[in-house]
Amino acid sequence: MTPAEYQALTSPRLSHPARSLYQYYLRHHARGDQTQPLDYPDLGKALAVQGEGEYRYRVTPAELTALVDELLEAGLLSPLERPHPQHYHGAVFSLPLKRLQGLAPLPSRQFAMHPEWRPDAQFGGLARLCGLLDSHFDETELGEFIAYWLGRPEVFENQHQWMLKFVRKLKHQRSVRRAPAPAGTEGYQQVPVRAAPGPSRRAREMMEEAQRLGTDCQEDHHEKDT
């Protein structure tokens, strides 16, 4: 197991069944860094706990899908093939953290954000693994990230997890910047849209139509009177 896998598996947000599914089945039966097609009946048998002739713990197909979702959210799985959009039976995944070597020695302690925090030398590789090809950042981007989490001192993460959060922030910011700027934006920040003075175009058209109809009615009355 690589340090990256260990750090992801020890996250308190990952349930024990999800850890077991990854470590004792998906990783154990993987071919290199790629899983075999998921077989829900086999997965259910692997996770079932039987005692004295009856099952003490069984997993439904819906629960299996939720466990795979946990592993995807933790970055332990990355989809390669998914035949069915509603579940993962028959799906094939890569194990991206199995390839990621050389992170900080284990174990890595958790800590609250502090003003001196900086990503370490593994940040570039982690960013590329998460789909962020340009991992460069400026002090403003880093400062905004630190300031946000300084306001949440109850959150404790290890170095790897803090870097994952920073990667997600950068990806989100840059996707917003690349999107076409709609009216009422400056750069990637929204600003209040100033209303045009006077009636809107649609209102003016309606007023003109009403005036035209009024004129037509007056002409009709005039013709009848004459």
C-alpha atoms as a PDB file:
ATOM      1  CA  MET A   1       0.000   0.000   0.000  1.00  0.00           C
ATOM      2  CA  THR A   2       1.316   3.406  -0.933  1.00  0.00           C
ATOM      3  CA  PRO A   3       1.320   6.367   1.477  1.00  0.00           C
ATOM      4  CA  ALA A   4      -1.311   8.068  -0.671  1.00  0.00           C
ATOM      5  CA  GLU A   5      -3.630   5.064  -0.356  1.00  0.00           C
ATOM      6  CA  TYR A   6      -3.072   4.929   3.390  1.00  0.00           C
ATOM      7  CA  GLN A   7      -3.916   8.588   3.837  1.00  0.00           C
ATOM      8  CA  ALA A   8      -7.114   8.265   1.794  1.00  0.00           C
ATOM      9  CA  LEU A   9      -8.214   5.060   3.548  1.00  0.00           C
ATOM     10  CA  THR A  10      -7.715   6.538   7.029  1.00  0.00           C
ATOM     11  CA  SER A  11      -9.978   9.505   6.308  1.00  0.00           C
ATOM     12  CA  PRO A  12     -12.779   9.642   8.917  1.00  0.00           C
ATOM     13  CA  ARG A  13     -15.257  10.337   6.118  1.00  0.00           C
ATOM     14  CA  LEU A  14     -14.684   6.865   4.620  1.00  0.00           C
ATOM     15  CA  SER A  15     -16.855   4.095   6.057  1.00  0.00           C
ATOM     16  CA  HIS A  16     -15.406   0.794   7.250  1.00  0.00           C
ATOM     17  CA  PRO A  17     -17.230  -1.257   4.545  1.00  0.00           C
ATOM     18  CA  ALA A  18     -15.807   1.045   1.859  1.00  0.00           C
ATOM     19  CA  ARG A  19     -12.277   0.512   3.228  1.00  0.00           C
ATOM     20  CA  SER A  20     -12.819  -3.253   3.278  1.00  0.00           C
ATOM     21  CA  LEU A  21     -14.185  -3.248  -0.268  1.00  0.00           C
ATOM     22  CA  TYR A  22     -11.095  -1.435  -1.542  1.00  0.00           C
ATOM     23  CA  GLN A  23      -8.381  -3.193   0.432  1.00  0.00           C
ATOM     24  CA  TYR A  24      -9.593  -6.783   0.579  1.00  0.00           C
ATOM     25  CA  TYR A  25     -11.356  -7.095  -2.764  1.00  0.00           C
ATOM     26  CA  LEU A  26     -10.794  -4.387  -5.391  1.00  0.00           C
ATOM     27  CA  ARG A  27      -7.076  -3.897  -4.757  1.00  0.00           C
ATOM     28  CA  HIS A  28      -6.451  -7.584  -3.970  1.00  0.00           C
ATOM     29  CA  HIS A  29      -7.997  -8.771  -7.254  1.00  0.00           C
ATOM     30  CA  ALA A  30      -6.734  -5.890  -9.394  1.00  0.00           C
ATOM     31  CA  ARG A  31      -4.613  -6.483 -12.480  1.00  0.00           C
ATOM     32  CA  GLY A  32      -1.831  -3.969 -12.036  1.00  0.00           C
ATOM     33  CA  ASP A  33      -3.470  -0.649 -11.261  1.00  0.00           C
ATOM     34  CA  GLN A  34      -6.815  -1.576 -12.857  1.00  0.00           C
ATOM     35  CA  THR A  35      -9.746  -3.444 -11.303  1.00  0.00           C
ATOM     36  CA  GLN A  36     -11.480  -6.365 -12.900  1.00  0.00           C
ATOM     37  CA  PRO A  37     -15.089  -5.684 -13.981  1.00  0.00           C
ATOM     38  CA  LEU A  38     -17.152  -5.299 -10.828  1.00  0.00           C
ATOM     39  CA  ASP A  39     -19.474  -8.214 -10.122  1.00  0.00           C
ATOM     40  CA  TYR A  40     -22.155  -7.223  -7.610  1.00  0.00           C
ATOM     41  CA  PRO A  41     -22.997 -10.797  -6.466  1.00  0.00           C
ATOM     42  CA  ASP A  42     -19.308 -11.515  -5.803  1.00  0.00           C
ATOM     43  CA  LEU A  43     -18.884  -8.180  -4.014  1.00  0.00           C
ATOM     44  CA  GLY A  44     -21.908  -8.922  -1.851  1.00  0.00           C
ATOM     45  CA  LYS A  45     -20.475 -12.303  -0.860  1.00  0.00           C
ATOM     46  CA  ALA A  46     -17.068 -10.783  -0.122  1.00  0.00           C
ATOM     47  CA  LEU A  47     -18.529  -8.191   2.247  1.00  0.00           C
ATOM     48  CA  ALA A  48     -21.132 -10.444   3.911  1.00  0.00           C
ATOM     49  CA  VAL A  49     -20.525 -11.484   7.509  1.00  0.00           C
ATOM     50  CA  GLN A  50     -22.053 -14.844   8.441  1.00  0.00           C
ATOM     51  CA  GLY A  51     -22.357 -16.338  11.901  1.00  0.00           C
ATOM     52  CA  GLU A  52     -24.152 -19.431  13.222  1.00  0.00           C
ATOM     53  CA  GLY A  53     -26.083 -20.123  10.023  1.00  0.00           C
ATOM     54  CA  GLU A  54     -27.338 -16.594   9.360  1.00  0.00           C
ATOM     55  CA  TYR A  55     -25.930 -13.397   7.932  1.00  0.00           C
ATOM     56  CA  ARG A  56     -25.096 -10.676  10.436  1.00  0.00           C
ATOM     57  CA  TYR A  57     -24.209  -8.216   7.699  1.00  0.00           C
ATOM     58  CA  ARG A  58     -25.307  -8.196   4.067  1.00  0.00           C
ATOM     59  CA  VAL A  59     -24.947  -5.532   1.397  1.00  0.00           C
ATOM     60  CA  THR A  60     -27.680  -4.611  -1.073  1.00  0.00           C
ATOM     61  CA  PRO A  61     -26.909  -3.495  -4.656  1.00  0.00           C
ATOM     62  CA  ALA A  62     -27.855   0.082  -3.722  1.00  0.00           C
ATOM     63  CA  GLU A  63     -25.429  -0.027  -0.779  1.00  0.00           C
ATOM     64  CA  LEU A  64     -22.666  -1.386  -3.047  1.00  0.00           C
ATOM     65  CA  THR A  65     -23.195   1.577  -5.391  1.00  0.00           C
ATOM     66  CA  ALA A  66     -22.956   3.954  -2.418  1.00  0.00           C
ATOM     67  CA  LEU A  67     -19.691   2.305  -1.264  1.00  0.00           C
ATOM     68  CA  VAL A  68     -18.157   2.727  -4.720  1.00  0.00           C
ATOM     69  CA  ASP A  69     -19.273   6.368  -4.677  1.00  0.00           C
ATOM     70  CA  GLU A  70     -17.360   6.810  -1.398  1.00  0.00           C
ATOM     71  CA  LEU A  71     -14.193   5.406  -2.962  1.00  0.00           C
ATOM     72  CA  LEU A  72     -14.605   7.668  -5.998  1.00  0.00           C
ATOM     73  CA  GLU A  73     -15.046  10.720  -3.764  1.00  0.00           C
ATOM     74  CA  ALA A  74     -11.911   9.774  -1.804  1.00  0.00           C
ATOM     75  CA  GLY A  75      -9.885   9.529  -5.022  1.00  0.00           C
ATOM     76  CA  LEU A  76      -9.163   5.826  -4.554  1.00  0.00           C
ATOM     77  CA  LEU A  77     -10.977   4.880  -7.778  1.00  0.00           C
ATOM     78  CA  SER A  78     -11.172   6.515 -11.187  1.00  0.00           C
ATOM     79  CA  PRO A  79     -13.737   5.252 -13.756  1.00  0.00           C
ATOM     80  CA  LEU A  80     -12.520   3.683 -17.003  1.00  0.00           C
ATOM     81  CA  GLU A  81     -15.619   1.819 -18.231  1.00  0.00           C
ATOM     82  CA  ARG A  82     -19.174   2.102 -16.925  1.00  0.00           C
ATOM     83  CA  PRO A  83     -21.742   0.114 -18.948  1.00  0.00           C
ATOM     84  CA  HIS A  84     -24.716   1.142 -16.776  1.00  0.00           C
ATOM     85  CA  PRO A  85     -25.373   4.739 -15.667  1.00  0.00           C
ATOM     86  CA  GLN A  86     -27.410   3.739 -12.596  1.00  0.00           C
ATOM     87  CA  HIS A  87     -24.910   1.350 -10.964  1.00  0.00           C
ATOM     88  CA  TYR A  88     -21.354   0.014 -11.239  1.00  0.00           C
ATOM     89  CA  HIS A  89     -21.976  -3.671 -12.060  1.00  0.00           C
ATOM     90  CA  GLY A  90     -19.564  -4.492 -14.897  1.00  0.00           C
ATOM     91  CA  ALA A  91     -17.658  -1.224 -14.461  1.00  0.00           C
ATOM     92  CA  VAL A  92     -13.852  -1.063 -14.579  1.00  0.00           C
ATOM     93  CA  PHE A  93     -11.783   1.407 -12.551  1.00  0.00           C
ATOM     94  CA  SER A  94      -8.165   2.439 -12.260  1.00  0.00           C
ATOM     95  CA  LEU A  95      -6.477   2.695  -8.851  1.00  0.00           C
ATOM     96  CA  PRO A  96      -4.733   6.094  -9.225  1.00  0.00           C
ATOM     97  CA  LEU A  97      -3.269   6.259  -5.717  1.00  0.00           C
ATOM     98  CA  LYS A  98      -1.635   2.861  -6.195  1.00  0.00           C
ATOM     99  CA  ARG A  99       0.700   4.542  -8.702  1.00  0.00           C
ATOM    100  CA  LEU A 100       1.404   7.596  -6.550  1.00  0.00           C
ATOM    101  CA  GLN A 101       4.640   7.016  -4.657  1.00  0.00           C
ATOM    102  CA  GLY A 102       6.876   9.160  -2.511  1.00  0.00           C
ATOM    103  CA  LEU A 103       4.457  11.138  -0.375  1.00  0.00           C
ATOM    104  CA  ALA A 104       5.280  12.137   3.179  1.00  0.00           C
ATOM    105  CA  PRO A 105       6.285   9.270   5.524  1.00  0.00           C
ATOM    106  CA  LEU A 106       3.471   7.461   7.305  1.00  0.00           C
ATOM    107  CA  PRO A 107       1.586   8.273   9.383  1.00  0.00           C
ATOM    108  CA  SER A 108       0.829  11.888   8.521  1.00  0.00           C
ATOM    109  CA  ARG A 109      -0.752  13.795  11.387  1.00  0.00           C
ATOM    110  CA  GLN A 110      -3.831  15.930  10.927  1.00  0.00           C
ATOM    111  CA  PHE A 111      -3.755  19.632  11.722  1.00  0.00           C
ATOM    112  CA  ALA A 112      -5.853  22.762  11.414  1.00  0.00           C
ATOM    113  CA  MET A 113      -5.019  25.310   8.741  1.00  0.00           C
ATOM    114  CA  HIS A 114      -2.363  27.869   9.738  1.00  0.00           C
ATOM    115  CA  PRO A 115      -0.958  31.006   8.040  1.00  0.00           C
ATOM    116  CA  GLU A 116       2.371  29.343   7.142  1.00  0.00           C
ATOM    117  CA  TRP A 117       0.834  26.382   5.325  1.00  0.00           C
ATOM    118  CA  ARG A 118       2.288  25.567   1.892  1.00  0.00           C
ATOM    119  CA  PRO A 119       1.850  22.620  -0.525  1.00  0.00           C
ATOM    120  CA  ASP A 120       4.843  20.300  -0.560  1.00  0.00           C
ATOM    121  CA  ALA A 121       6.941  18.944  -3.431  1.00  0.00           C
ATOM    122  CA  GLN A 122       4.310  16.316  -4.306  1.00  0.00           C
ATOM    123  CA  PHE A 123       1.701  18.952  -5.195  1.00  0.00           C
ATOM    124  CA  GLY A 124       2.439  18.981  -8.936  1.00  0.00           C
ATOM    125  CA  GLY A 125       2.054  15.212  -9.299  1.00  0.00           C
ATOM    126  CA  LEU A 126      -1.098  15.183  -7.207  1.00  0.00           C
ATOM    127  CA  ALA A 127      -2.592  18.036  -9.253  1.00  0.00           C
ATOM    128  CA  ARG A 128      -1.931  16.248 -12.560  1.00  0.00           C
ATOM    129  CA  LEU A 129      -3.423  13.064 -11.142  1.00  0.00           C
ATOM    130  CA  CYS A 130      -6.610  15.031 -10.349  1.00  0.00           C
ATOM    131  CA  GLY A 131      -6.765  16.537 -13.841  1.00  0.00           C
ATOM    132  CA  LEU A 132      -5.159  19.923 -13.089  1.00  0.00           C
ATOM    133  CA  LEU A 133      -2.371  20.064 -15.679  1.00  0.00           C
ATOM    134  CA  ASP A 134      -1.116  23.532 -14.696  1.00  0.00           C
ATOM    135  CA  SER A 135      -0.368  23.318 -10.971  1.00  0.00           C
ATOM    136  CA  HIS A 136       1.171  26.794 -10.712  1.00  0.00           C
ATOM    137  CA  PHE A 137      -0.570  29.213  -8.365  1.00  0.00           C
ATOM    138  CA  ASP A 138       0.049  32.720  -7.110  1.00  0.00           C
ATOM    139  CA  GLU A 139       0.102  34.100  -3.567  1.00  0.00           C
ATOM    140  CA  THR A 140      -3.396  35.527  -3.962  1.00  0.00           C
ATOM    141  CA  GLU A 141      -4.887  32.099  -4.716  1.00  0.00           C
ATOM    142  CA  LEU A 142      -2.996  30.520  -1.846  1.00  0.00           C
ATOM    143  CA  GLY A 143      -3.889  33.363   0.518  1.00  0.00           C
ATOM    144  CA  GLU A 144      -7.609  33.099  -0.272  1.00  0.00           C
ATOM    145  CA  PHE A 145      -7.500  29.349   0.399  1.00  0.00           C
ATOM    146  CA  ILE A 146      -5.673  29.759   3.725  1.00  0.00           C
ATOM    147  CA  ALA A 147      -7.928  32.620   4.842  1.00  0.00           C
ATOM    148  CA  TYR A 148     -11.062  30.572   4.128  1.00  0.00           C
ATOM    149  CA  TRP A 149      -9.930  27.619   6.221  1.00  0.00           C
ATOM    150  CA  LEU A 150      -8.462  29.756   9.002  1.00  0.00           C
ATOM    151  CA  GLY A 151     -12.065  30.718   9.660  1.00  0.00           C
ATOM    152  CA  ARG A 152     -12.891  27.031  10.238  1.00  0.00           C
ATOM    153  CA  PRO A 153     -10.466  25.956  12.981  1.00  0.00           C
ATOM    154  CA  GLU A 154     -12.548  22.885  13.777  1.00  0.00           C
ATOM    155  CA  VAL A 155     -11.455  21.242  10.473  1.00  0.00           C
ATOM    156  CA  PHE A 156      -8.380  18.992  10.784  1.00  0.00           C
ATOM    157  CA  GLU A 157      -6.759  17.383   7.739  1.00  0.00           C
ATOM    158  CA  ASN A 158      -3.363  15.916   6.921  1.00  0.00           C
ATOM    159  CA  GLN A 159      -1.008  17.460   4.356  1.00  0.00           C
ATOM    160  CA  HIS A 160      -2.246  15.283   1.510  1.00  0.00           C
ATOM    161  CA  GLN A 161      -5.885  16.132   2.217  1.00  0.00           C
ATOM    162  CA  TRP A 162      -5.180  19.877   2.436  1.00  0.00           C
ATOM    163  CA  MET A 163      -3.430  19.704  -0.929  1.00  0.00           C
ATOM    164  CA  LEU A 164      -6.428  17.862  -2.422  1.00  0.00           C
ATOM    165  CA  LYS A 165      -8.706  20.666  -1.193  1.00  0.00           C
ATOM    166  CA  PHE A 166      -6.382  23.255  -2.737  1.00  0.00           C
ATOM    167  CA  VAL A 167      -6.350  21.379  -6.067  1.00  0.00           C
ATOM    168  CA  ARG A 168     -10.156  21.333  -6.110  1.00  0.00           C
ATOM    169  CA  LYS A 169     -10.271  25.077  -5.393  1.00  0.00           C
ATOM    170  CA  LEU A 170      -7.856  25.834  -8.246  1.00  0.00           C
ATOM    171  CA  LYS A 171      -9.781  23.595 -10.666  1.00  0.00           C
ATOM    172  CA  HIS A 172     -13.040  25.311  -9.772  1.00  0.00           C
ATOM    173  CA  GLN A 173     -11.597  28.820 -10.074  1.00  0.00           C
ATOM    174  CA  ARG A 174     -10.035  28.121 -13.457  1.00  0.00           C
ATOM    175  CA  SER A 175     -13.151  26.462 -14.847  1.00  0.00           C
ATOM    176  CA  VAL A 176     -15.114  29.581 -13.881  1.00  0.00           C
ATOM    177  CA  ARG A 177     -12.526  31.831 -15.498  1.00  0.00           C
ATOM    178  CA  ARG A 178     -12.634  29.840 -18.753  1.00  0.00           C
ATOM    179  CA  ALA A 179     -16.426  30.068 -18.998  1.00  0.00           C
ATOM    180  CA  PRO A 180     -17.789  32.882 -21.224  1.00  0.00           C
ATOM    181  CA  ALA A 181     -18.407  35.934 -19.092  1.00  0.00           C
ATOM    182  CA  PRO A 182     -22.139  36.757 -19.078  1.00  0.00           C
ATOM    183  CA  ALA A 183     -23.443  40.280 -18.855  1.00  0.00           C
ATOM    184  CA  GLY A 184     -22.858  41.638 -15.412  1.00  0.00           C
ATOM    185  CA  THR A 185     -19.469  40.006 -14.751  1.00  0.00           C
ATOM    186  CA  GLU A 186     -15.987  41.410 -14.461  1.00  0.00           C
ATOM    187  CA  GLY A 187     -13.315  38.762 -14.941  1.00  0.00           C
ATOM    188  CA  TYR A 188     -14.715  35.795 -12.997  1.00  0.00           C
ATOM    189  CA  GLN A 189     -16.488  37.817 -10.322  1.00  0.00           C
ATOM    190  CA  GLN A 190     -20.169  38.651 -10.581  1.00  0.00           C
ATOM    191  CA  VAL A 191     -21.167  42.274 -10.159  1.00  0.00           C
ATOM    192  CA  PRO A 192     -24.639  43.787  -9.831  1.00  0.00           C
ATOM    193  CA  VAL A 193     -26.274  44.321 -13.215  1.00  0.00           C
ATOM    194  CA  ARG A 194     -27.248  47.935 -13.662  1.00  0.00           C
ATOM    195  CA  ALA A 195     -30.741  48.340 -15.081  1.00  0.00           C
ATOM    196  CA  ALA A 196     -31.001  50.440 -18.213  1.00  0.00           C
ATOM    197  CA  PRO A 197     -32.670  53.826 -17.604  1.00  0.00           C
ATOM    198  CA  GLY A 198     -36.330  54.045 -18.657  1.00  0.00           C
ATOM    199  CA  PRO A 199     -38.630  51.245 -19.850  1.00  0.00           C
ATOM    200  CA  SER A 200     -37.153  48.041 -21.182  1.00  0.00           C
ATOM    201  CA  ARG A 201     -37.197  47.212 -24.879  1.00  0.00           C
ATOM    202  CA  ARG A 202     -40.094  44.787 -24.409  1.00  0.00           C
ATOM    203  CA  ALA A 203     -42.026  47.389 -22.415  1.00  0.00           C
ATOM    204  CA  ARG A 204     -41.504  50.001 -25.146  1.00  0.00           C
ATOM    205  CA  GLU A 205     -42.741  47.561 -27.804  1.00  0.00           C
ATOM    206  CA  MET A 206     -45.884  46.858 -25.768  1.00  0.00           C
ATOM    207  CA  MET A 207     -46.479  50.591 -25.258  1.00  0.00           C
ATOM    208  CA  GLU A 208     -46.099  51.248 -28.996  1.00  0.00           C
ATOM    209  CA  GLU A 209     -48.515  48.418 -29.813  1.00  0.00           C
ATOM    210  CA  ALA A 210     -51.060  49.793 -27.350  1.00  0.00           C
ATOM    211  CA  GLN A 211     -50.735  53.262 -28.879  1.00  0.00           C
ATOM    212  CA  ARG A 212     -51.231  51.826 -32.384  1.00  0.00           C
ATOM    213  CA  LEU A 213     -54.338  49.923 -31.330  1.00  0.00           C
ATOM    214  CA  GLY A 214     -55.679  53.054 -29.643  1.00  0.00           C
ATOM    215  CA  THR A 215     -55.152  55.076 -32.799  1.00  0.00           C
ATOM    216  CA  ASP A 216     -56.912  52.415 -34.891  1.00  0.00           C
ATOM    217  CA  CYS A 217     -59.896  52.438 -32.541  1.00  0.00           C
ATOM    218  CA  GLN A 218     -60.140  56.236 -32.704  1.00  0.00           C
ATOM    219  CA  GLU A 219     -60.068  56.117 -36.521  1.00  0.00           C
ATOM    220  CA  ASP A 220     -62.841  53.477 -36.555  1.00  0.00           C
ATOM    221  CA  HIS A 221     -65.028  55.613 -34.293  1.00  0.00           C
ATOM    222  CA  HIS A 222     -64.371  58.660 -36.455  1.00  0.00           C
ATOM    223  CA  GLU A 223     -65.398  56.798 -39.642  1.00  0.00           C
ATOM    224  CA  LYS A 224     -68.630  55.618 -37.982  1.00  0.00           C
ATOM    225  CA  ASP A 225     -69.475  59.149 -36.831  1.00  0.00           C
ATOM    226  CA  THR A 226     -69.013  60.505 -40.354  1.00  0.00           C
END
